[in-house]
Amino acid sequence: MAKGIARTLTAGDPANAAYYRRNLSQTRARLIFLNRNLQEILSKVEGAYTVFNDAYQYLEHRCGLRSMGAITTHPERSPGAGHLSA
């Protein structure tokens, strides 16, 4: 996404292309750092777990997590704060 945004901004404002390229480079570096830290932290997670929706499947795959699956009481609606708290 960042690459596409930088490309679009550069096309619309070529005078500031260097600024957009620099921001893209900084964003990439931050994302690489975040990914490494996240994988290090999540590598310590043991066992399997369940979630209220299947929103984490890409993260689980990338970090080697083991979800037992997603559960819900009403598949047509998202759980509210009270339900999650209970």
PDB file of N, CA and C in Angstrom:
ATOM      1  N   MET A   1       0.819  -1.180   0.000  1.00  0.00           N
ATOM      2  CA  MET A   1       0.000   0.000   0.000  1.00  0.00           C
ATOM      3  C   MET A   1       0.866   1.246   0.000  1.00  0.00           C
ATOM      4  N   ALA A   2       1.906   1.241   0.800  1.00  0.00           N
ATOM      5  CA  ALA A   2       2.764   2.421   0.892  1.00  0.00           C
ATOM      6  C   ALA A   2       3.412   2.728  -0.446  1.00  0.00           C
ATOM      7  N   LYS A   3       3.819   1.690  -1.148  1.00  0.00           N
ATOM      8  CA  LYS A   3       4.440   1.893  -2.459  1.00  0.00           C
ATOM      9  C   LYS A   3       3.441   2.508  -3.437  1.00  0.00           C
ATOM     10  N   GLY A   4       2.214   2.034  -3.427  1.00  0.00           N
ATOM     11  CA  GLY A   4       1.174   2.583  -4.294  1.00  0.00           C
ATOM     12  C   GLY A   4       0.845   4.023  -3.952  1.00  0.00           C
ATOM     13  N   ILE A   5       0.795   4.324  -2.662  1.00  0.00           N
ATOM     14  CA  ILE A   5       0.521   5.701  -2.229  1.00  0.00           C
ATOM     15  C   ILE A   5       1.645   6.618  -2.681  1.00  0.00           C
ATOM     16  N   ALA A   6       2.887   6.202  -2.474  1.00  0.00           N
ATOM     17  CA  ALA A   6       4.031   7.024  -2.889  1.00  0.00           C
ATOM     18  C   ALA A   6       4.027   7.240  -4.401  1.00  0.00           C
ATOM     19  N   ARG A   7       3.691   6.203  -5.150  1.00  0.00           N
ATOM     20  CA  ARG A   7       3.637   6.315  -6.603  1.00  0.00           C
ATOM     21  C   ARG A   7       2.559   7.319  -7.032  1.00  0.00           C
ATOM     22  N   THR A   8       1.402   7.243  -6.401  1.00  0.00           N
ATOM     23  CA  THR A   8       0.304   8.145  -6.745  1.00  0.00           C
ATOM     24  C   THR A   8       0.644   9.588  -6.381  1.00  0.00           C
ATOM     25  N   LEU A   9       1.218   9.790  -5.196  1.00  0.00           N
ATOM     26  CA  LEU A   9       1.601  11.140  -4.789  1.00  0.00           C
ATOM     27  C   LEU A   9       2.658  11.719  -5.715  1.00  0.00           C
ATOM     28  N   THR A  10       3.623  10.891  -6.098  1.00  0.00           N
ATOM     29  CA  THR A  10       4.682  11.348  -6.998  1.00  0.00           C
ATOM     30  C   THR A  10       4.119  11.728  -8.362  1.00  0.00           C
ATOM     31  N   ALA A  11       3.174  10.943  -8.854  1.00  0.00           N
ATOM     32  CA  ALA A  11       2.561  11.255 -10.151  1.00  0.00           C
ATOM     33  C   ALA A  11       1.800  12.579 -10.099  1.00  0.00           C
ATOM     34  N   GLY A  12       1.141  12.861  -8.983  1.00  0.00           N
ATOM     35  CA  GLY A  12       0.372  14.094  -8.857  1.00  0.00           C
ATOM     36  C   GLY A  12       1.200  15.290  -8.428  1.00  0.00           C
ATOM     37  N   ASP A  13       2.384  15.050  -7.882  1.00  0.00           N
ATOM     38  CA  ASP A  13       3.232  16.126  -7.359  1.00  0.00           C
ATOM     39  C   ASP A  13       4.703  15.782  -7.583  1.00  0.00           C
ATOM     40  N   PRO A  14       5.131  15.740  -8.842  1.00  0.00           N
ATOM     41  CA  PRO A  14       6.501  15.307  -9.140  1.00  0.00           C
ATOM     42  C   PRO A  14       7.587  16.185  -8.510  1.00  0.00           C
ATOM     43  N   ALA A  15       7.264  17.422  -8.202  1.00  0.00           N
ATOM     44  CA  ALA A  15       8.267  18.310  -7.595  1.00  0.00           C
ATOM     45  C   ALA A  15       8.704  17.806  -6.221  1.00  0.00           C
ATOM     46  N   ASN A  16       7.872  17.029  -5.555  1.00  0.00           N
ATOM     47  CA  ASN A  16       8.199  16.501  -4.227  1.00  0.00           C
ATOM     48  C   ASN A  16       8.474  15.004  -4.242  1.00  0.00           C
ATOM     49  N   ALA A  17       8.859  14.468  -5.383  1.00  0.00           N
ATOM     50  CA  ALA A  17       9.099  13.033  -5.530  1.00  0.00           C
ATOM     51  C   ALA A  17      10.154  12.529  -4.541  1.00  0.00           C
ATOM     52  N   ALA A  18      11.212  13.288  -4.341  1.00  0.00           N
ATOM     53  CA  ALA A  18      12.268  12.859  -3.417  1.00  0.00           C
ATOM     54  C   ALA A  18      11.727  12.728  -1.995  1.00  0.00           C
ATOM     55  N   TYR A  19      10.850  13.637  -1.611  1.00  0.00           N
ATOM     56  CA  TYR A  19      10.223  13.601  -0.288  1.00  0.00           C
ATOM     57  C   TYR A  19       9.394  12.334  -0.131  1.00  0.00           C
ATOM     58  N   TYR A  20       8.608  11.988  -1.153  1.00  0.00           N
ATOM     59  CA  TYR A  20       7.767  10.786  -1.093  1.00  0.00           C
ATOM     60  C   TYR A  20       8.614   9.516  -1.083  1.00  0.00           C
ATOM     61  N   ARG A  21       9.690   9.499  -1.851  1.00  0.00           N
ATOM     62  CA  ARG A  21      10.581   8.336  -1.851  1.00  0.00           C
ATOM     63  C   ARG A  21      11.235   8.152  -0.472  1.00  0.00           C
ATOM     64  N   ARG A  22      11.644   9.249   0.133  1.00  0.00           N
ATOM     65  CA  ARG A  22      12.265   9.182   1.463  1.00  0.00           C
ATOM     66  C   ARG A  22      11.255   8.655   2.497  1.00  0.00           C
ATOM     67  N   ASN A  23      10.035   9.155   2.434  1.00  0.00           N
ATOM     68  CA  ASN A  23       9.007   8.676   3.356  1.00  0.00           C
ATOM     69  C   ASN A  23       8.719   7.192   3.138  1.00  0.00           C
ATOM     70  N   LEU A  24       8.703   6.766   1.874  1.00  0.00           N
ATOM     71  CA  LEU A  24       8.482   5.355   1.575  1.00  0.00           C
ATOM     72  C   LEU A  24       9.610   4.510   2.150  1.00  0.00           C
ATOM     73  N   SER A  25      10.829   4.956   2.009  1.00  0.00           N
ATOM     74  CA  SER A  25      11.972   4.225   2.543  1.00  0.00           C
ATOM     75  C   SER A  25      11.889   4.112   4.061  1.00  0.00           C
ATOM     76  N   GLN A  26      11.517   5.188   4.732  1.00  0.00           N
ATOM     77  CA  GLN A  26      11.374   5.168   6.191  1.00  0.00           C
ATOM     78  C   GLN A  26      10.220   4.248   6.614  1.00  0.00           C
ATOM     79  N   THR A  27       9.144   4.282   5.864  1.00  0.00           N
ATOM     80  CA  THR A  27       7.997   3.423   6.182  1.00  0.00           C
ATOM     81  C   THR A  27       8.367   1.957   6.034  1.00  0.00           C
ATOM     82  N   ARG A  28       9.062   1.618   4.968  1.00  0.00           N
ATOM     83  CA  ARG A  28       9.505   0.235   4.780  1.00  0.00           C
ATOM     84  C   ARG A  28      10.383  -0.225   5.938  1.00  0.00           C
ATOM     85  N   ALA A  29      11.328   0.625   6.345  1.00  0.00           N
ATOM     86  CA  ALA A  29      12.228   0.271   7.446  1.00  0.00           C
ATOM     87  C   ALA A  29      11.440   0.044   8.737  1.00  0.00           C
ATOM     88  N   ARG A  30      10.457   0.874   8.996  1.00  0.00           N
ATOM     89  CA  ARG A  30       9.639   0.713  10.204  1.00  0.00           C
ATOM     90  C   ARG A  30       8.825  -0.572  10.153  1.00  0.00           C
ATOM     91  N   LEU A  31       8.284  -0.894   8.983  1.00  0.00           N
ATOM     92  CA  LEU A  31       7.495  -2.116   8.844  1.00  0.00           C
ATOM     93  C   LEU A  31       8.361  -3.366   9.011  1.00  0.00           C
ATOM     94  N   ILE A  32       9.567  -3.343   8.493  1.00  0.00           N
ATOM     95  CA  ILE A  32      10.493  -4.467   8.664  1.00  0.00           C
ATOM     96  C   ILE A  32      10.825  -4.635  10.143  1.00  0.00           C
ATOM     97  N   PHE A  33      11.087  -3.537  10.837  1.00  0.00           N
ATOM     98  CA  PHE A  33      11.385  -3.570  12.265  1.00  0.00           C
ATOM     99  C   PHE A  33      10.188  -4.117  13.045  1.00  0.00           C
ATOM    100  N   LEU A  34       8.993  -3.626  12.739  1.00  0.00           N
ATOM    101  CA  LEU A  34       7.782  -4.086  13.403  1.00  0.00           C
ATOM    102  C   LEU A  34       7.567  -5.581  13.174  1.00  0.00           C
ATOM    103  N   ASN A  35       7.743  -6.026  11.940  1.00  0.00           N
ATOM    104  CA  ASN A  35       7.553  -7.435  11.619  1.00  0.00           C
ATOM    105  C   ASN A  35       8.523  -8.314  12.400  1.00  0.00           C
ATOM    106  N   ARG A  36       9.768  -7.921  12.478  1.00  0.00           N
ATOM    107  CA  ARG A  36      10.761  -8.709  13.226  1.00  0.00           C
ATOM    108  C   ARG A  36      10.409  -8.772  14.710  1.00  0.00           C
ATOM    109  N   ASN A  37      10.037  -7.629  15.280  1.00  0.00           N
ATOM    110  CA  ASN A  37       9.674  -7.614  16.700  1.00  0.00           C
ATOM    111  C   ASN A  37       8.438  -8.449  16.963  1.00  0.00           C
ATOM    112  N   LEU A  38       7.453  -8.331  16.107  1.00  0.00           N
ATOM    113  CA  LEU A  38       6.217  -9.086  16.273  1.00  0.00           C
ATOM    114  C   LEU A  38       6.475 -10.585  16.190  1.00  0.00           C
ATOM    115  N   GLN A  39       7.278 -11.000  15.223  1.00  0.00           N
ATOM    116  CA  GLN A  39       7.586 -12.419  15.100  1.00  0.00           C
ATOM    117  C   GLN A  39       8.368 -12.929  16.302  1.00  0.00           C
ATOM    118  N   GLU A  40       9.264 -12.109  16.835  1.00  0.00           N
ATOM    119  CA  GLU A  40      10.024 -12.512  18.022  1.00  0.00           C
ATOM    120  C   GLU A  40       9.098 -12.685  19.224  1.00  0.00           C
ATOM    121  N   ILE A  41       8.200 -11.751  19.428  1.00  0.00           N
ATOM    122  CA  ILE A  41       7.270 -11.818  20.557  1.00  0.00           C
ATOM    123  C   ILE A  41       6.329 -13.011  20.406  1.00  0.00           C
ATOM    124  N   LEU A  42       5.751 -13.161  19.221  1.00  0.00           N
ATOM    125  CA  LEU A  42       4.758 -14.211  19.012  1.00  0.00           C
ATOM    126  C   LEU A  42       5.366 -15.603  18.910  1.00  0.00           C
ATOM    127  N   SER A  43       6.662 -15.692  18.681  1.00  0.00           N
ATOM    128  CA  SER A  43       7.313 -17.008  18.626  1.00  0.00           C
ATOM    129  C   SER A  43       7.283 -17.690  19.991  1.00  0.00           C
ATOM    130  N   LYS A  44       7.028 -16.925  21.045  1.00  0.00           N
ATOM    131  CA  LYS A  44       6.986 -17.472  22.398  1.00  0.00           C
ATOM    132  C   LYS A  44       5.608 -18.000  22.782  1.00  0.00           C
ATOM    133  N   VAL A  45       4.624 -17.776  21.926  1.00  0.00           N
ATOM    134  CA  VAL A  45       3.263 -18.250  22.208  1.00  0.00           C
ATOM    135  C   VAL A  45       3.230 -19.762  22.031  1.00  0.00           C
ATOM    136  N   GLU A  46       2.757 -20.453  23.066  1.00  0.00           N
ATOM    137  CA  GLU A  46       2.677 -21.910  23.017  1.00  0.00           C
ATOM    138  C   GLU A  46       1.224 -22.347  23.019  1.00  0.00           C
ATOM    139  N   GLY A  47       0.962 -23.461  22.411  1.00  0.00           N
ATOM    140  CA  GLY A  47      -0.386 -24.012  22.402  1.00  0.00           C
ATOM    141  C   GLY A  47      -1.280 -23.350  21.376  1.00  0.00           C
ATOM    142  N   ALA A  48      -2.528 -23.752  21.423  1.00  0.00           N
ATOM    143  CA  ALA A  48      -3.520 -23.235  20.488  1.00  0.00           C
ATOM    144  C   ALA A  48      -4.546 -22.407  21.253  1.00  0.00           C
ATOM    145  N   TYR A  49      -5.300 -21.637  20.531  1.00  0.00           N
ATOM    146  CA  TYR A  49      -6.287 -20.747  21.128  1.00  0.00           C
ATOM    147  C   TYR A  49      -7.467 -20.606  20.176  1.00  0.00           C
ATOM    148  N   THR A  50      -8.546 -20.036  20.668  1.00  0.00           N
ATOM    149  CA  THR A  50      -9.703 -19.754  19.822  1.00  0.00           C
ATOM    150  C   THR A  50      -9.940 -18.245  19.802  1.00  0.00           C
ATOM    151  N   VAL A  51     -10.598 -17.785  18.760  1.00  0.00           N
ATOM    152  CA  VAL A  51     -10.906 -16.365  18.600  1.00  0.00           C
ATOM    153  C   VAL A  51     -12.372 -16.212  18.232  1.00  0.00           C
ATOM    154  N   PHE A  52     -12.888 -14.992  18.328  1.00  0.00           N
ATOM    155  CA  PHE A  52     -14.286 -14.744  17.984  1.00  0.00           C
ATOM    156  C   PHE A  52     -14.516 -14.530  16.494  1.00  0.00           C
ATOM    157  N   ASN A  53     -13.454 -14.348  15.726  1.00  0.00           N
ATOM    158  CA  ASN A  53     -13.596 -14.312  14.265  1.00  0.00           C
ATOM    159  C   ASN A  53     -12.274 -14.696  13.635  1.00  0.00           C
ATOM    160  N   ASP A  54     -12.308 -14.931  12.359  1.00  0.00           N
ATOM    161  CA  ASP A  54     -11.127 -15.433  11.646  1.00  0.00           C
ATOM    162  C   ASP A  54     -10.295 -14.291  11.060  1.00  0.00           C
ATOM    163  N   ALA A  55     -10.214 -13.178  11.754  1.00  0.00           N
ATOM    164  CA  ALA A  55      -9.522 -12.007  11.234  1.00  0.00           C
ATOM    165  C   ALA A  55      -8.002 -12.112  11.307  1.00  0.00           C
ATOM    166  N   TYR A  56      -7.491 -13.081  12.033  1.00  0.00           N
ATOM    167  CA  TYR A  56      -6.053 -13.146  12.287  1.00  0.00           C
ATOM    168  C   TYR A  56      -5.321 -14.202  11.464  1.00  0.00           C
ATOM    169  N   GLN A  57      -5.983 -14.803  10.492  1.00  0.00           N
ATOM    170  CA  GLN A  57      -5.374 -15.932   9.794  1.00  0.00           C
ATOM    171  C   GLN A  57      -4.066 -15.585   9.094  1.00  0.00           C
ATOM    172  N   TYR A  58      -3.929 -14.381   8.548  1.00  0.00           N
ATOM    173  CA  TYR A  58      -2.672 -14.019   7.880  1.00  0.00           C
ATOM    174  C   TYR A  58      -1.546 -13.853   8.892  1.00  0.00           C
ATOM    175  N   LEU A  59      -1.858 -13.230  10.030  1.00  0.00           N
ATOM    176  CA  LEU A  59      -0.872 -13.080  11.094  1.00  0.00           C
ATOM    177  C   LEU A  59      -0.481 -14.447  11.647  1.00  0.00           C
ATOM    178  N   GLU A  60      -1.469 -15.301  11.852  1.00  0.00           N
ATOM    179  CA  GLU A  60      -1.193 -16.643  12.365  1.00  0.00           C
ATOM    180  C   GLU A  60      -0.268 -17.411  11.425  1.00  0.00           C
ATOM    181  N   HIS A  61      -0.546 -17.338  10.153  1.00  0.00           N
ATOM    182  CA  HIS A  61       0.284 -18.047   9.175  1.00  0.00           C
ATOM    183  C   HIS A  61       1.698 -17.474   9.156  1.00  0.00           C
ATOM    184  N   ARG A  62       1.810 -16.165   9.135  1.00  0.00           N
ATOM    185  CA  ARG A  62       3.118 -15.509   9.057  1.00  0.00           C
ATOM    186  C   ARG A  62       3.969 -15.800  10.292  1.00  0.00           C
ATOM    187  N   CYS A  63       3.342 -15.878  11.465  1.00  0.00           N
ATOM    188  CA  CYS A  63       4.091 -16.034  12.716  1.00  0.00           C
ATOM    189  C   CYS A  63       4.056 -17.451  13.273  1.00  0.00           C
ATOM    190  N   GLY A  64       3.455 -18.375  12.535  1.00  0.00           N
ATOM    191  CA  GLY A  64       3.441 -19.767  12.971  1.00  0.00           C
ATOM    192  C   GLY A  64       2.563 -20.023  14.189  1.00  0.00           C
ATOM    193  N   LEU A  65       1.491 -19.259  14.344  1.00  0.00           N
ATOM    194  CA  LEU A  65       0.579 -19.452  15.467  1.00  0.00           C
ATOM    195  C   LEU A  65      -0.417 -20.559  15.149  1.00  0.00           C
ATOM    196  N   ARG A  66      -0.976 -21.181  16.203  1.00  0.00           N
ATOM    197  CA  ARG A  66      -1.910 -22.282  16.000  1.00  0.00           C
ATOM    198  C   ARG A  66      -3.273 -21.945  16.593  1.00  0.00           C
ATOM    199  N   SER A  67      -4.160 -21.487  15.768  1.00  0.00           N
ATOM    200  CA  SER A  67      -5.526 -21.226  16.200  1.00  0.00           C
ATOM    201  C   SER A  67      -6.340 -22.506  16.067  1.00  0.00           C
ATOM    202  N   MET A  68      -7.157 -22.794  17.090  1.00  0.00           N
ATOM    203  CA  MET A  68      -8.047 -23.953  17.020  1.00  0.00           C
ATOM    204  C   MET A  68      -9.255 -23.635  16.153  1.00  0.00           C
ATOM    205  N   GLY A  69      -9.497 -22.364  15.935  1.00  0.00           N
ATOM    206  CA  GLY A  69     -10.626 -21.961  15.117  1.00  0.00           C
ATOM    207  C   GLY A  69     -11.297 -20.717  15.665  1.00  0.00           C
ATOM    208  N   ALA A  70     -12.327 -20.312  14.964  1.00  0.00           N
ATOM    209  CA  ALA A  70     -13.100 -19.147  15.363  1.00  0.00           C
ATOM    210  C   ALA A  70     -14.479 -19.590  15.816  1.00  0.00           C
ATOM    211  N   ILE A  71     -14.966 -18.984  16.872  1.00  0.00           N
ATOM    212  CA  ILE A  71     -16.295 -19.315  17.366  1.00  0.00           C
ATOM    213  C   ILE A  71     -17.150 -18.058  17.428  1.00  0.00           C
ATOM    214  N   THR A  72     -18.437 -18.233  17.330  1.00  0.00           N
ATOM    215  CA  THR A  72     -19.362 -17.122  17.452  1.00  0.00           C
ATOM    216  C   THR A  72     -20.736 -17.652  17.841  1.00  0.00           C
ATOM    217  N   THR A  73     -21.487 -16.837  18.536  1.00  0.00           N
ATOM    218  CA  THR A  73     -22.839 -17.230  18.901  1.00  0.00           C
ATOM    219  C   THR A  73     -23.852 -16.797  17.847  1.00  0.00           C
ATOM    220  N   HIS A  74     -23.525 -15.750  17.100  1.00  0.00           N
ATOM    221  CA  HIS A  74     -24.396 -15.221  16.039  1.00  0.00           C
ATOM    222  C   HIS A  74     -23.530 -14.860  14.835  1.00  0.00           C
ATOM    223  N   PRO A  75     -23.362 -15.749  13.879  1.00  0.00           N
ATOM    224  CA  PRO A  75     -22.437 -15.503  12.768  1.00  0.00           C
ATOM    225  C   PRO A  75     -22.772 -14.261  11.947  1.00  0.00           C
ATOM    226  N   GLU A  76     -24.011 -13.803  12.003  1.00  0.00           N
ATOM    227  CA  GLU A  76     -24.404 -12.653  11.184  1.00  0.00           C
ATOM    228  C   GLU A  76     -24.056 -11.312  11.825  1.00  0.00           C
ATOM    229  N   ARG A  77     -23.570 -11.298  13.075  1.00  0.00           N
ATOM    230  CA  ARG A  77     -23.209 -10.021  13.700  1.00  0.00           C
ATOM    231  C   ARG A  77     -21.957 -10.168  14.555  1.00  0.00           C
ATOM    232  N   SER A  78     -21.239  -9.065  14.685  1.00  0.00           N
ATOM    233  CA  SER A  78     -20.004  -9.040  15.477  1.00  0.00           C
ATOM    234  C   SER A  78     -20.342  -8.969  16.955  1.00  0.00           C
ATOM    235  N   PRO A  79     -19.520  -9.579  17.823  1.00  0.00           N
ATOM    236  CA  PRO A  79     -19.772  -9.498  19.261  1.00  0.00           C
ATOM    237  C   PRO A  79     -19.520  -8.094  19.780  1.00  0.00           C
ATOM    238  N   GLY A  80     -20.325  -7.655  20.731  1.00  0.00           N
ATOM    239  CA  GLY A  80     -20.135  -6.355  21.355  1.00  0.00           C
ATOM    240  C   GLY A  80     -19.187  -6.433  22.536  1.00  0.00           C
ATOM    241  N   ALA A  81     -18.856  -5.283  23.117  1.00  0.00           N
ATOM    242  CA  ALA A  81     -17.915  -5.219  24.225  1.00  0.00           C
ATOM    243  C   ALA A  81     -18.433  -6.001  25.435  1.00  0.00           C
ATOM    244  N   GLY A  82     -19.723  -5.887  25.725  1.00  0.00           N
ATOM    245  CA  GLY A  82     -20.296  -6.613  26.863  1.00  0.00           C
ATOM    246  C   GLY A  82     -20.191  -8.108  26.699  1.00  0.00           C
ATOM    247  N   HIS A  83     -20.460  -8.585  25.497  1.00  0.00           N
ATOM    248  CA  HIS A  83     -20.381 -10.020  25.216  1.00  0.00           C
ATOM    249  C   HIS A  83     -18.946 -10.516  25.351  1.00  0.00           C
ATOM    250  N   LEU A  84     -18.000  -9.754  24.806  1.00  0.00           N
ATOM    251  CA  LEU A  84     -16.597 -10.158  24.902  1.00  0.00           C
ATOM    252  C   LEU A  84     -16.131 -10.156  26.351  1.00  0.00           C
ATOM    253  N   SER A  85     -16.579  -9.175  27.118  1.00  0.00           N
ATOM    254  CA  SER A  85     -16.201  -9.093  28.526  1.00  0.00           C
ATOM    255  C   SER A  85     -16.733 -10.287  29.322  1.00  0.00           C
ATOM    256  N   ALA A  86     -17.977 -10.657  29.036  1.00  0.00           N
ATOM    257  CA  ALA A  86     -18.581 -11.800  29.729  1.00  0.00           C
ATOM    258  C   ALA A  86     -17.860 -13.077  29.353  1.00  0.00           C
TER     259      ALA A  86
END
